């Protein structure tokens, strides 16, 4: 596996942990984190040039926000799910218009 991919996996888990810490300290609610991540997903999908991208490329751009949304939804006060669990969930919950991949 490409080292950059492993670094990105680690970065996603760090961000999920930071989001969980913000919620745990009462600085943000899970709903606020979820809303911010939904806005990020929509921004990524609405970025210039996305119309020319294939569905798989659009899914790749949206993957970080989707993974972090699932981490936010499935987190407890003490822990978050593993990257592999979250990545599997992202694949299972893809938007229907992207299923033709």
Protein backbone atom coordinates (compact mmCIF):
# COMPACT_ATOMS: atom_id res chain seq x y z
CA UNK A 1 0.00 0.00 0.00
CA UNK A 2 1.15 3.51 -0.79
CA UNK A 3 2.62 5.29 2.24
CA UNK A 4 0.56 8.39 1.47
CA UNK A 5 -2.62 6.30 1.81
CA UNK A 6 -1.52 5.12 5.24
CA UNK A 7 -0.78 8.70 6.26
CA UNK A 8 -4.25 9.76 5.10
CA UNK A 9 -5.82 6.93 7.11
CA UNK A 10 -4.02 8.20 10.17
CA UNK A 11 -5.05 11.78 9.45
CA UNK A 12 -8.74 10.81 9.17
CA UNK A 13 -8.60 9.03 12.53
CA UNK A 14 -6.86 12.03 14.10
CA UNK A 15 -9.59 14.34 12.78
CA UNK A 16 -12.31 11.99 14.01
CA UNK A 17 -10.66 11.92 17.44
CA UNK A 18 -10.40 15.73 17.53
CA UNK A 19 -14.07 16.04 16.59
CA UNK A 20 -14.95 13.60 19.36
CA UNK A 21 -12.86 15.59 21.84
CA UNK A 22 -14.64 18.83 20.86
CA UNK A 23 -17.97 17.13 21.49
CA UNK A 24 -16.76 15.58 24.74
CA UNK A 25 -15.66 18.97 26.06
CA UNK A 26 -19.01 20.48 25.12
CA UNK A 27 -17.46 22.92 22.64
CA UNK A 28 -19.56 21.54 19.78
CA UNK A 29 -22.53 19.20 19.65
CA UNK A 30 -22.55 16.06 17.49
CA UNK A 31 -25.17 17.83 15.39
CA UNK A 32 -22.89 20.84 14.84
CA UNK A 33 -19.98 18.61 13.84
CA UNK A 34 -22.28 16.64 11.55
CA UNK A 35 -23.58 19.83 9.94
CA UNK A 36 -20.05 21.14 9.34
CA UNK A 37 -19.05 17.84 7.73
CA UNK A 38 -22.18 17.81 5.56
CA UNK A 39 -21.33 21.33 4.37
CA UNK A 40 -17.77 20.14 3.61
CA UNK A 41 -19.12 17.19 1.60
CA UNK A 42 -21.46 19.43 -0.39
CA UNK A 43 -18.66 21.94 -0.98
CA UNK A 44 -16.36 19.19 -2.24
CA UNK A 45 -19.04 17.80 -4.54
CA UNK A 46 -19.98 21.26 -5.80
CA UNK A 47 -16.42 22.37 -6.48
CA UNK A 48 -15.64 23.64 -9.98
CA UNK A 49 -14.98 20.80 -12.34
CA UNK A 50 -16.94 18.14 -10.46
CA UNK A 51 -19.39 17.82 -13.34
CA UNK A 52 -16.59 16.43 -15.49
CA UNK A 53 -15.53 13.93 -12.82
CA UNK A 54 -16.64 10.34 -12.93
CA UNK A 55 -18.87 9.08 -10.11
CA UNK A 56 -15.89 7.23 -8.61
CA UNK A 57 -13.84 10.45 -8.57
CA UNK A 58 -16.71 12.35 -6.93
CA UNK A 59 -16.92 9.58 -4.32
CA UNK A 60 -13.18 9.91 -3.71
CA UNK A 61 -13.49 13.66 -3.13
CA UNK A 62 -16.43 13.15 -0.76
CA UNK A 63 -14.82 10.20 1.10
CA UNK A 64 -13.13 12.19 3.91
CA UNK A 65 -16.29 14.08 4.87
CA UNK A 66 -18.40 10.92 4.64
CA UNK A 67 -15.96 8.93 6.77
CA UNK A 68 -15.82 11.68 9.40
CA UNK A 69 -19.63 11.97 9.45
CA UNK A 70 -19.90 8.23 10.14
CA UNK A 71 -17.19 8.51 12.80
CA UNK A 72 -19.13 11.35 14.42
CA UNK A 73 -22.38 9.38 14.33
CA UNK A 74 -20.82 6.20 15.73
CA UNK A 75 -18.49 7.69 18.33
CA UNK A 76 -18.87 7.26 22.03
CA UNK A 77 -17.36 9.44 24.74
CA UNK A 78 -14.42 7.07 25.03
CA UNK A 79 -13.67 5.87 21.50
CA UNK A 80 -14.20 6.03 17.76
CA UNK A 81 -14.43 3.20 15.26
CA UNK A 82 -11.38 1.98 13.36
CA UNK A 83 -10.54 3.30 9.91
CA UNK A 84 -11.34 -0.05 8.28
CA UNK A 85 -14.79 -0.17 9.93
CA UNK A 86 -15.54 3.39 8.88
CA UNK A 87 -14.29 2.90 5.31
CA UNK A 88 -16.48 -0.18 4.95
CA UNK A 89 -19.49 1.82 6.17
CA UNK A 90 -18.75 4.59 3.65
CA UNK A 91 -18.91 2.00 0.88
CA UNK A 92 -22.16 0.56 2.21
CA UNK A 93 -23.83 3.95 2.52
CA UNK A 94 -22.86 5.50 -0.81
CA UNK A 95 -25.49 7.68 -2.42
CA UNK A 96 -27.72 5.68 -4.82
CA UNK A 97 -26.78 7.74 -7.90
CA UNK A 98 -23.18 6.51 -7.52
CA UNK A 99 -24.01 2.80 -7.38
CA UNK A 100 -23.31 2.27 -11.07
CA UNK A 101 -19.56 2.09 -10.41
